[in-house]
Amino acid sequence: MAQRTGLRGYLALLLFFAPIASFVVVPQVPGTTPGNLLVLLGLFPLGGILLFGRSDYLRLLEHYLPLLVVLGILFFASRYSWLTAPRGLSNLSFTSPGFILPLTMTVHVTQTIYLLVAVGMMLVVSRYYEASLDRYIFAGAWFLVGYGLVDWFCQSFLHINADLLSNRTFAYSWNEWSGSLRQMVSVGGLWLMRFKSLTGESSMYALTALCFLPLAVHRQRWWLGAALLASLLLTFSTTAYAGMAVMALIVLRRLSFLPVVFLLLAVLAAVAIAVWIDWAAIWNVVDELFIAKLTGEAHSGSARLNAFMRHFLAWRDSGPAPFLVGYGFGTARSTDLISTLLINVGLVGTALALGWIVRVIGRGVQAGQTVLALGLACVVVLMLLAVPEFSYLPPWMLAGVLIAESRPKDGVACAG
């Protein structure tokens, strides 16, 4: 009974703190977010055995074996890439340039640890998730939205930084940057902060909120869904709006004809009123968020495209070894996940990763978990196109919930 109580408390804390990324327990170490530390607690032998029991802990470790074998093979094979294709390295954006051993960068170790923690999040959730734990997931989502709203209002209208918790920093060479960006955008002459809450920046908040949206729809938590949508609007992020459009299509499929018509009319009325009030302001926002990015005129859009092309061409033209196995997991980071995967783990590693994701989503669809499966597919596509950070916990939490909901109710959880 004591172990069961301790496990439930552990899961409650893990699910609540999962979306928080800009607050770290040790400010000098960017990865020490509460969620990451809680996962690590469960992975260490003493904590894992006390929380999960010996048999469950060993089963958890067994699920790591295929991943570790694949990563090990790809890593040792990619050492040959460093020796045979030095020209390909000149165009890469290194995650961090430091070396810990010959042909082995420090980030090869640190990024692998981040991946193991993220996978651990998915394994724990897929094994122990049940509907009664939703309260902790949604409490974390409400806290994220509420905290972000206070911060957004104070910065936008009172010009006060109300984000007292964010303390994450990143060091490079002799410089240090805050891990929480306060970006402003002009809407009709009014400068508003792009909504970010405790995720660090608006694009990361968009990714996080889009992970909670399918969960809210799945459990019919409409007030939370509305709050997430409202906060996503305030991110002024193209990534967020694209995800919202996909999620809207998923939700509309679940509604009857009349509610769909009502929603469409409400949206059209809102757009008409906004255009009537200030057409120029609306056009400027549309141009900045969509048209300029699609035509390559916006700085962020052109920067993303240039980064993608640099890394894609470096991978494509680098020779047989880097083409197949990359330069090692964690070596470089582009502005999107697909070119980051290709340059780091090559065609083989990328195909294995995408194949596993498709398998999880496919099983979810077959099990009737369409909302969760399509929600995860939406998140994955957005990451492949615009978000290179693979180690954020919410996508892995969503994958864990999908795996748990897809298995037979009397079956045993499995991550593969």
Protein backbone atom coordinates (compact mmCIF):
# COMPACT_ATOMS: atom_id res chain seq x y z
CA MET A 1 0.00 0.00 0.00
CA ALA A 2 2.83 2.41 0.88
CA GLN A 3 4.53 1.68 -2.45
CA ARG A 4 1.26 2.25 -4.31
CA THR A 5 0.76 5.60 -2.54
CA GLY A 6 4.33 6.64 -3.25
CA LEU A 7 4.02 5.69 -6.92
CA ARG A 8 0.82 7.68 -7.32
CA GLY A 9 2.40 10.72 -5.69
CA TYR A 10 5.39 10.35 -7.98
CA LEU A 11 3.18 10.14 -11.07
CA ALA A 12 1.16 13.16 -9.91
CA LEU A 13 4.30 15.29 -9.60
CA LEU A 14 5.74 14.01 -12.87
CA LEU A 15 2.61 14.73 -14.89
CA PHE A 16 2.09 18.15 -13.29
CA PHE A 17 5.66 19.36 -13.85
CA ALA A 18 6.12 17.79 -17.30
CA PRO A 19 5.40 20.98 -19.31
CA ILE A 20 7.67 23.28 -17.28
CA ALA A 21 10.92 23.91 -19.14
CA SER A 22 12.23 27.38 -18.21
CA PHE A 23 12.59 26.69 -14.49
CA VAL A 24 15.50 24.49 -13.43
CA VAL A 25 16.43 23.22 -9.99
CA VAL A 26 20.14 23.87 -10.64
CA PRO A 27 20.37 27.13 -12.66
CA GLN A 28 23.83 26.28 -14.01
CA VAL A 29 22.57 23.01 -15.54
CA PRO A 30 19.88 23.64 -18.22
CA GLY A 31 18.52 20.10 -18.13
CA THR A 32 17.60 19.99 -14.44
CA THR A 33 13.92 20.79 -14.92
CA PRO A 34 11.60 19.23 -12.31
CA GLY A 35 10.20 16.81 -14.89
CA ASN A 36 13.62 15.61 -16.03
CA LEU A 37 14.82 15.09 -12.47
CA LEU A 38 11.70 13.12 -11.59
CA VAL A 39 12.24 10.83 -14.58
CA LEU A 40 15.88 10.36 -13.59
CA LEU A 41 14.75 9.48 -10.07
CA GLY A 42 12.73 6.63 -11.53
CA LEU A 43 15.60 5.47 -13.76
CA PHE A 44 18.20 5.18 -11.00
CA PRO A 45 18.16 1.72 -9.37
CA LEU A 46 17.30 2.76 -5.82
CA GLY A 47 14.53 5.17 -6.80
CA GLY A 48 13.20 2.91 -9.54
CA ILE A 49 12.95 -0.20 -7.35
CA LEU A 50 11.33 1.71 -4.49
CA LEU A 51 8.79 3.35 -6.79
CA PHE A 52 7.97 0.63 -9.30
CA GLY A 53 9.07 -2.56 -7.60
CA ARG A 54 11.90 -4.81 -8.77
CA SER A 55 10.06 -6.61 -11.59
CA ASP A 56 8.54 -3.46 -13.10
CA TYR A 57 11.84 -1.62 -12.86
CA LEU A 58 13.67 -4.41 -14.70
CA ARG A 59 10.92 -4.46 -17.32
CA LEU A 60 11.36 -0.71 -17.73
CA LEU A 61 15.08 -1.18 -18.36
CA GLU A 62 14.40 -3.96 -20.86
CA HIS A 63 12.50 -1.53 -23.07
CA TYR A 64 15.69 0.55 -23.33
CA LEU A 65 17.75 -2.29 -24.83
CA PRO A 66 16.66 -1.89 -28.49
CA LEU A 67 17.20 1.87 -28.32
CA LEU A 68 20.65 1.53 -26.74
CA VAL A 69 21.71 -1.10 -29.27
CA VAL A 70 20.63 1.07 -32.21
CA LEU A 71 22.24 4.22 -30.76
CA GLY A 72 25.46 2.32 -30.05
CA ILE A 73 25.71 0.88 -33.56
CA LEU A 74 24.95 4.24 -35.17
CA PHE A 75 27.45 6.04 -32.93
CA PHE A 76 30.38 3.75 -33.64
CA ALA A 77 29.55 3.64 -37.35
CA SER A 78 29.34 7.43 -37.46
CA ARG A 79 32.93 7.76 -36.16
CA TYR A 80 33.96 6.75 -39.66
CA SER A 81 31.90 9.67 -40.97
CA TRP A 82 34.09 12.12 -39.07
CA LEU A 83 37.21 10.69 -40.68
CA THR A 84 35.92 10.50 -44.24
CA ALA A 85 33.74 13.57 -44.67
CA PRO A 86 35.33 16.57 -42.91
CA ARG A 87 33.97 18.96 -45.53
CA GLY A 88 30.41 18.26 -44.45
CA LEU A 89 31.10 19.56 -40.95
CA SER A 90 31.80 23.12 -42.06
CA ASN A 91 28.14 23.91 -42.73
CA LEU A 92 26.72 22.44 -39.53
CA SER A 93 25.31 24.31 -36.54
CA PHE A 94 26.94 22.40 -33.70
CA THR A 95 24.88 21.88 -30.57
CA SER A 96 28.06 22.55 -28.57
CA PRO A 97 31.63 22.45 -29.93
CA GLY A 98 33.37 20.84 -26.94
CA PHE A 99 35.03 17.41 -27.07
CA ILE A 100 35.19 14.92 -24.21
CA LEU A 101 37.22 12.27 -26.09
CA PRO A 102 38.77 12.04 -29.56
CA LEU A 103 35.94 12.01 -32.14
CA THR A 104 33.45 12.23 -29.27
CA MET A 105 31.78 15.52 -28.42
CA THR A 106 30.35 16.31 -25.01
CA VAL A 107 26.92 16.68 -26.59
CA HIS A 108 27.01 13.08 -27.77
CA VAL A 109 26.74 12.16 -24.10
CA THR A 110 24.43 14.93 -22.88
CA GLN A 111 21.97 14.67 -25.78
CA THR A 112 21.81 10.90 -25.36
CA ILE A 113 20.95 11.41 -21.69
CA TYR A 114 18.19 13.84 -22.69
CA LEU A 115 16.83 11.23 -25.10
CA LEU A 116 16.90 8.50 -22.45
CA VAL A 117 15.01 10.78 -20.05
CA ALA A 118 12.39 11.61 -22.69
CA VAL A 119 11.92 7.94 -23.56
CA GLY A 120 11.72 7.20 -19.83
CA MET A 121 8.83 9.65 -19.58
CA MET A 122 6.99 7.77 -22.31
CA LEU A 123 7.71 4.35 -20.78
CA VAL A 124 6.52 5.35 -17.31
CA VAL A 125 3.34 6.96 -18.63
CA SER A 126 2.57 4.07 -20.98
CA ARG A 127 2.96 1.60 -18.11
CA TYR A 128 1.04 3.37 -15.35
CA TYR A 129 -1.35 5.80 -17.02
CA GLU A 130 -5.01 5.55 -16.11
CA ALA A 131 -7.92 7.97 -16.41
CA SER A 132 -7.72 8.95 -12.74
CA LEU A 133 -4.33 10.57 -13.44
CA ASP A 134 -5.89 13.06 -15.86
CA ARG A 135 -6.49 15.49 -13.01
CA TYR A 136 -2.74 15.97 -12.61
CA ILE A 137 -2.12 16.34 -16.34
CA PHE A 138 -4.86 18.95 -16.65
CA ALA A 139 -3.80 20.70 -13.44
CA GLY A 140 -0.36 21.17 -14.99
CA ALA A 141 -1.96 22.50 -18.16
CA TRP A 142 -4.16 24.96 -16.24
CA PHE A 143 -1.16 26.16 -14.23
CA LEU A 144 0.83 26.68 -17.43
CA VAL A 145 -1.98 28.69 -19.03
CA GLY A 146 -2.74 30.73 -15.89
CA TYR A 147 0.88 31.58 -15.15
CA GLY A 148 1.48 32.50 -18.77
CA LEU A 149 -1.61 34.71 -18.90
CA VAL A 150 -0.49 36.72 -15.87
CA ASP A 151 2.99 37.12 -17.35
CA TRP A 152 1.58 38.07 -20.77
CA PHE A 153 -0.81 40.68 -19.34
CA CYS A 154 1.77 42.28 -17.05
CA GLN A 155 4.40 42.54 -19.79
CA SER A 156 2.03 43.66 -22.56
CA PHE A 157 -0.01 46.26 -20.67
CA LEU A 158 1.90 47.09 -17.47
CA HIS A 159 5.42 46.62 -18.91
CA ILE A 160 6.35 44.52 -15.89
CA ASN A 161 8.19 41.21 -15.99
CA ALA A 162 5.97 38.96 -13.87
CA ASP A 163 7.83 35.77 -14.74
CA LEU A 164 9.54 35.22 -11.40
CA LEU A 165 10.18 31.49 -11.81
CA SER A 166 12.10 31.21 -15.09
CA ASN A 167 15.81 30.87 -14.34
CA ARG A 168 17.12 28.66 -17.12
CA THR A 169 20.21 29.96 -18.92
CA PHE A 170 22.44 28.73 -21.72
CA ALA A 171 26.17 29.36 -21.85
CA TYR A 172 28.22 29.46 -25.04
CA SER A 173 31.87 30.44 -25.03
CA TRP A 174 32.04 33.42 -22.64
CA ASN A 175 28.44 34.49 -23.14
CA GLU A 176 25.28 33.48 -21.34
CA TRP A 177 21.70 33.78 -22.56
CA SER A 178 18.42 33.49 -20.77
CA GLY A 179 16.45 30.35 -21.51
CA SER A 180 13.23 32.37 -21.50
CA LEU A 181 12.73 34.73 -24.45
CA ARG A 182 10.43 37.73 -24.15
CA GLN A 183 9.47 38.45 -27.74
CA MET A 184 7.17 41.35 -28.66
CA VAL A 185 4.96 41.79 -31.71
CA SER A 186 3.06 44.87 -32.90
CA VAL A 187 -0.67 44.37 -33.46
CA GLY A 188 -2.34 47.53 -34.73
CA GLY A 189 0.32 49.66 -33.06
CA LEU A 190 -0.06 47.85 -29.74
CA TRP A 191 3.00 45.91 -28.65
CA LEU A 192 2.06 42.54 -27.18
CA MET A 193 4.31 39.86 -25.78
CA ARG A 194 4.17 36.51 -27.53
CA PHE A 195 2.67 34.03 -25.07
CA LYS A 196 5.28 31.64 -23.69
CA SER A 197 4.53 30.86 -20.03
CA LEU A 198 7.13 28.52 -18.45
CA THR A 199 8.25 26.90 -21.69
CA GLY A 200 10.94 29.40 -22.64
CA GLU A 201 9.61 30.78 -25.92
CA SER A 202 6.43 31.01 -27.95
CA SER A 203 7.20 28.17 -30.38
CA MET A 204 7.91 25.84 -27.47
CA TYR A 205 4.66 26.87 -25.82
CA ALA A 206 2.85 26.14 -29.07
CA LEU A 207 4.35 22.65 -29.13
CA THR A 208 3.46 22.06 -25.48
CA ALA A 209 -0.11 23.34 -25.74
CA LEU A 210 -0.70 21.28 -28.88
CA CYS A 211 0.25 18.19 -26.87
CA PHE A 212 -2.43 18.97 -24.27
CA LEU A 213 -5.15 19.83 -26.80
CA PRO A 214 -5.83 16.27 -28.00
CA LEU A 215 -5.87 15.10 -24.38
CA ALA A 216 -8.44 17.77 -23.52
CA VAL A 217 -10.57 16.84 -26.54
CA HIS A 218 -10.20 13.13 -25.77
CA ARG A 219 -11.57 13.66 -22.25
CA GLN A 220 -14.01 16.39 -23.36
CA ARG A 221 -12.42 19.07 -21.17
CA TRP A 222 -13.81 21.86 -23.32
CA TRP A 223 -12.97 24.75 -20.97
CA LEU A 224 -9.34 23.69 -20.90
CA GLY A 225 -9.39 23.26 -24.67
CA ALA A 226 -10.77 26.79 -25.08
CA ALA A 227 -8.11 28.20 -22.73
CA LEU A 228 -5.35 26.42 -24.65
CA LEU A 229 -6.70 27.72 -27.96
CA ALA A 230 -6.88 31.28 -26.63
CA SER A 231 -3.31 31.10 -25.36
CA LEU A 232 -2.15 29.65 -28.68
CA LEU A 233 -3.66 32.64 -30.46
CA LEU A 234 -1.54 34.92 -28.26
CA THR A 235 1.69 33.17 -29.28
CA PHE A 236 1.45 34.79 -32.74
CA SER A 237 3.23 31.67 -33.94
CA THR A 238 2.73 30.19 -37.39
CA THR A 239 3.51 26.79 -35.90
CA ALA A 240 0.72 27.24 -33.37
CA TYR A 241 -1.82 28.35 -35.95
CA ALA A 242 -1.03 25.45 -38.25
CA GLY A 243 -1.46 23.04 -35.36
CA MET A 244 -4.72 24.70 -34.35
CA ALA A 245 -6.07 24.29 -37.87
CA VAL A 246 -5.32 20.57 -37.83
CA MET A 247 -6.80 20.12 -34.36
CA ALA A 248 -9.90 22.05 -35.45
CA LEU A 249 -10.44 19.55 -38.25
CA ILE A 250 -10.12 16.71 -35.73
CA VAL A 251 -12.64 18.29 -33.36
CA LEU A 252 -15.11 19.17 -36.13
CA ARG A 253 -15.23 15.52 -37.15
CA ARG A 254 -16.55 14.67 -33.68
CA LEU A 255 -19.35 17.26 -33.75
CA SER A 256 -22.75 17.08 -35.40
CA PHE A 257 -23.76 19.33 -38.31
CA LEU A 258 -25.41 22.20 -36.40
CA PRO A 259 -22.55 22.88 -33.94
CA VAL A 260 -20.10 22.89 -36.86
CA VAL A 261 -22.21 25.44 -38.74
CA PHE A 262 -22.52 27.57 -35.59
CA LEU A 263 -18.76 27.54 -35.02
CA LEU A 264 -18.00 28.43 -38.63
CA LEU A 265 -20.46 31.32 -38.54
CA ALA A 266 -18.96 32.55 -35.25
CA VAL A 267 -15.46 32.46 -36.72
CA LEU A 268 -16.58 34.30 -39.86
CA ALA A 269 -18.36 36.93 -37.75
CA ALA A 270 -15.28 37.45 -35.58
CA VAL A 271 -13.06 37.84 -38.65
CA ALA A 272 -15.52 40.27 -40.26
CA ILE A 273 -15.68 42.42 -37.12
CA ALA A 274 -11.89 42.46 -36.78
CA VAL A 275 -11.45 43.45 -40.42
CA TRP A 276 -14.09 46.17 -40.10
CA ILE A 277 -12.43 47.64 -36.99
CA ASP A 278 -8.85 47.75 -38.34
CA TRP A 279 -8.16 46.15 -41.70
CA ALA A 280 -4.57 47.39 -41.86
CA ALA A 281 -3.63 45.87 -38.51
CA ILE A 282 -5.17 42.52 -39.42
CA TRP A 283 -3.38 42.49 -42.76
CA ASN A 284 -0.02 43.28 -41.12
CA VAL A 285 -0.44 40.35 -38.73
CA VAL A 286 -1.44 37.98 -41.55
CA ASP A 287 1.47 39.19 -43.66
CA GLU A 288 3.99 38.75 -40.85
CA LEU A 289 2.75 35.34 -39.70
CA PHE A 290 1.98 33.68 -43.02
CA ILE A 291 2.66 35.50 -46.30
CA ALA A 292 6.14 36.78 -45.46
CA LYS A 293 7.20 33.39 -44.12
CA LEU A 294 5.83 31.48 -47.09
CA THR A 295 7.58 33.83 -49.52
CA GLY A 296 10.83 33.81 -47.52
CA GLU A 297 10.69 37.53 -46.75
CA ALA A 298 10.35 37.16 -42.98
CA HIS A 299 13.59 36.83 -41.05
CA SER A 300 12.48 33.77 -39.07
CA GLY A 301 11.07 32.07 -42.15
CA SER A 302 14.18 32.64 -44.26
CA ALA A 303 16.45 31.66 -41.36
CA ARG A 304 14.58 28.37 -40.92
CA LEU A 305 14.74 27.64 -44.64
CA ASN A 306 18.45 28.47 -44.83
CA ALA A 307 19.22 26.27 -41.81
CA PHE A 308 17.24 23.40 -43.29
CA MET A 309 18.99 23.66 -46.66
CA ARG A 310 22.46 23.90 -45.08
CA HIS A 311 21.98 20.77 -43.01
CA PHE A 312 20.08 18.86 -45.67
CA LEU A 313 22.74 19.54 -48.32
CA ALA A 314 25.53 18.77 -45.84
CA TRP A 315 23.87 15.40 -45.24
CA ARG A 316 23.05 14.68 -48.89
CA ASP A 317 26.49 15.58 -50.27
CA SER A 318 28.66 14.27 -47.43
CA GLY A 319 29.42 10.78 -48.71
CA PRO A 320 28.09 7.26 -48.12
CA ALA A 321 28.89 6.94 -44.41
CA PRO A 322 27.35 10.23 -43.18
CA PHE A 323 24.45 9.73 -45.59
CA LEU A 324 23.58 6.41 -43.99
CA VAL A 325 24.51 6.85 -40.31
CA GLY A 326 25.13 10.59 -39.82
CA TYR A 327 27.75 12.19 -37.58
CA GLY A 328 26.46 10.94 -34.23
CA PHE A 329 23.35 11.68 -32.21
CA GLY A 330 23.46 15.22 -30.81
CA THR A 331 26.23 16.55 -33.07
CA ALA A 332 24.29 19.33 -34.78
CA ARG A 333 20.96 21.09 -34.38
CA SER A 334 19.08 22.72 -37.21
CA THR A 335 15.82 24.67 -36.87
CA ASP A 336 13.73 21.59 -37.68
CA LEU A 337 13.80 18.00 -36.50
CA ILE A 338 13.96 16.26 -39.88
CA SER A 339 17.26 17.77 -41.04
CA THR A 340 18.59 17.48 -37.48
CA LEU A 341 17.85 13.75 -37.51
CA LEU A 342 19.33 13.25 -40.98
CA ILE A 343 22.62 14.95 -40.15
CA ASN A 344 22.93 13.24 -36.75
CA VAL A 345 21.75 9.67 -37.36
CA GLY A 346 21.57 9.51 -41.14
CA LEU A 347 19.01 7.83 -43.33
CA VAL A 348 19.07 4.63 -41.27
CA GLY A 349 18.41 6.28 -37.90
CA THR A 350 15.81 8.66 -39.31
CA ALA A 351 13.92 5.82 -41.00
CA LEU A 352 13.93 3.78 -37.78
CA ALA A 353 12.67 6.74 -35.72
CA LEU A 354 9.90 7.64 -38.16
CA GLY A 355 8.96 3.98 -38.59
CA TRP A 356 8.50 3.60 -34.84
CA ILE A 357 6.38 6.78 -34.66
CA VAL A 358 4.16 5.61 -37.52
CA ARG A 359 3.76 2.26 -35.76
CA VAL A 360 2.61 3.90 -32.51
CA ILE A 361 0.19 6.19 -34.35
CA GLY A 362 -1.10 3.34 -36.50
CA ARG A 363 -1.80 1.18 -33.46
CA GLY A 364 -3.67 4.08 -31.91
CA VAL A 365 -5.89 4.48 -34.96
CA GLN A 366 -6.57 0.73 -35.06
CA ALA A 367 -7.53 0.82 -31.38
CA GLY A 368 -10.04 3.61 -32.00
CA GLN A 369 -7.97 6.34 -30.31
CA THR A 370 -8.25 8.61 -33.34
CA VAL A 371 -8.07 11.95 -31.53
CA LEU A 372 -4.93 11.05 -29.59
CA ALA A 373 -3.31 9.41 -32.62
CA LEU A 374 -3.99 12.31 -34.98
CA GLY A 375 -3.00 14.77 -32.26
CA LEU A 376 0.36 13.03 -31.88
CA ALA A 377 0.75 12.94 -35.66
CA CYS A 378 0.12 16.70 -35.78
CA VAL A 379 2.72 17.34 -33.07
CA VAL A 380 5.30 15.11 -34.79
CA VAL A 381 4.82 16.80 -38.17
CA LEU A 382 5.21 20.25 -36.60
CA MET A 383 8.39 19.10 -34.86
CA LEU A 384 9.79 17.68 -38.09
CA LEU A 385 9.14 20.98 -39.88
CA ALA A 386 9.77 23.66 -37.26
CA VAL A 387 10.90 22.41 -33.82
CA PRO A 388 14.24 20.58 -33.38
CA GLU A 389 13.94 20.03 -29.61
CA PHE A 390 13.27 16.31 -29.22
CA SER A 391 13.65 16.19 -25.44
CA TYR A 392 10.62 18.25 -24.36
CA LEU A 393 8.54 15.95 -22.20
CA PRO A 394 4.94 16.75 -23.32
CA PRO A 395 5.20 15.01 -26.74
CA TRP A 396 6.56 11.91 -25.03
CA MET A 397 3.82 12.11 -22.42
CA LEU A 398 1.22 12.24 -25.20
CA ALA A 399 2.85 9.23 -26.87
CA GLY A 400 2.76 7.36 -23.55
CA VAL A 401 -0.94 8.11 -23.06
CA LEU A 402 -1.68 6.95 -26.62
CA ILE A 403 0.20 3.68 -26.06
CA ALA A 404 -1.62 3.10 -22.77
CA GLU A 405 -5.04 3.87 -24.27
CA SER A 406 -4.35 1.71 -27.35
CA ARG A 407 -3.57 -1.53 -25.57
CA PRO A 408 -6.25 -4.00 -24.44
CA LYS A 409 -7.51 -2.96 -21.04
CA ASP A 410 -6.42 -6.25 -19.51
CA GLY A 411 -3.09 -6.25 -21.33
CA VAL A 412 0.38 -5.17 -20.36
CA ALA A 413 1.81 -1.87 -21.53
CA CYS A 414 4.35 -1.99 -24.26
CA ALA A 415 6.27 0.86 -25.86
CA GLY A 416 6.92 -0.77 -29.15
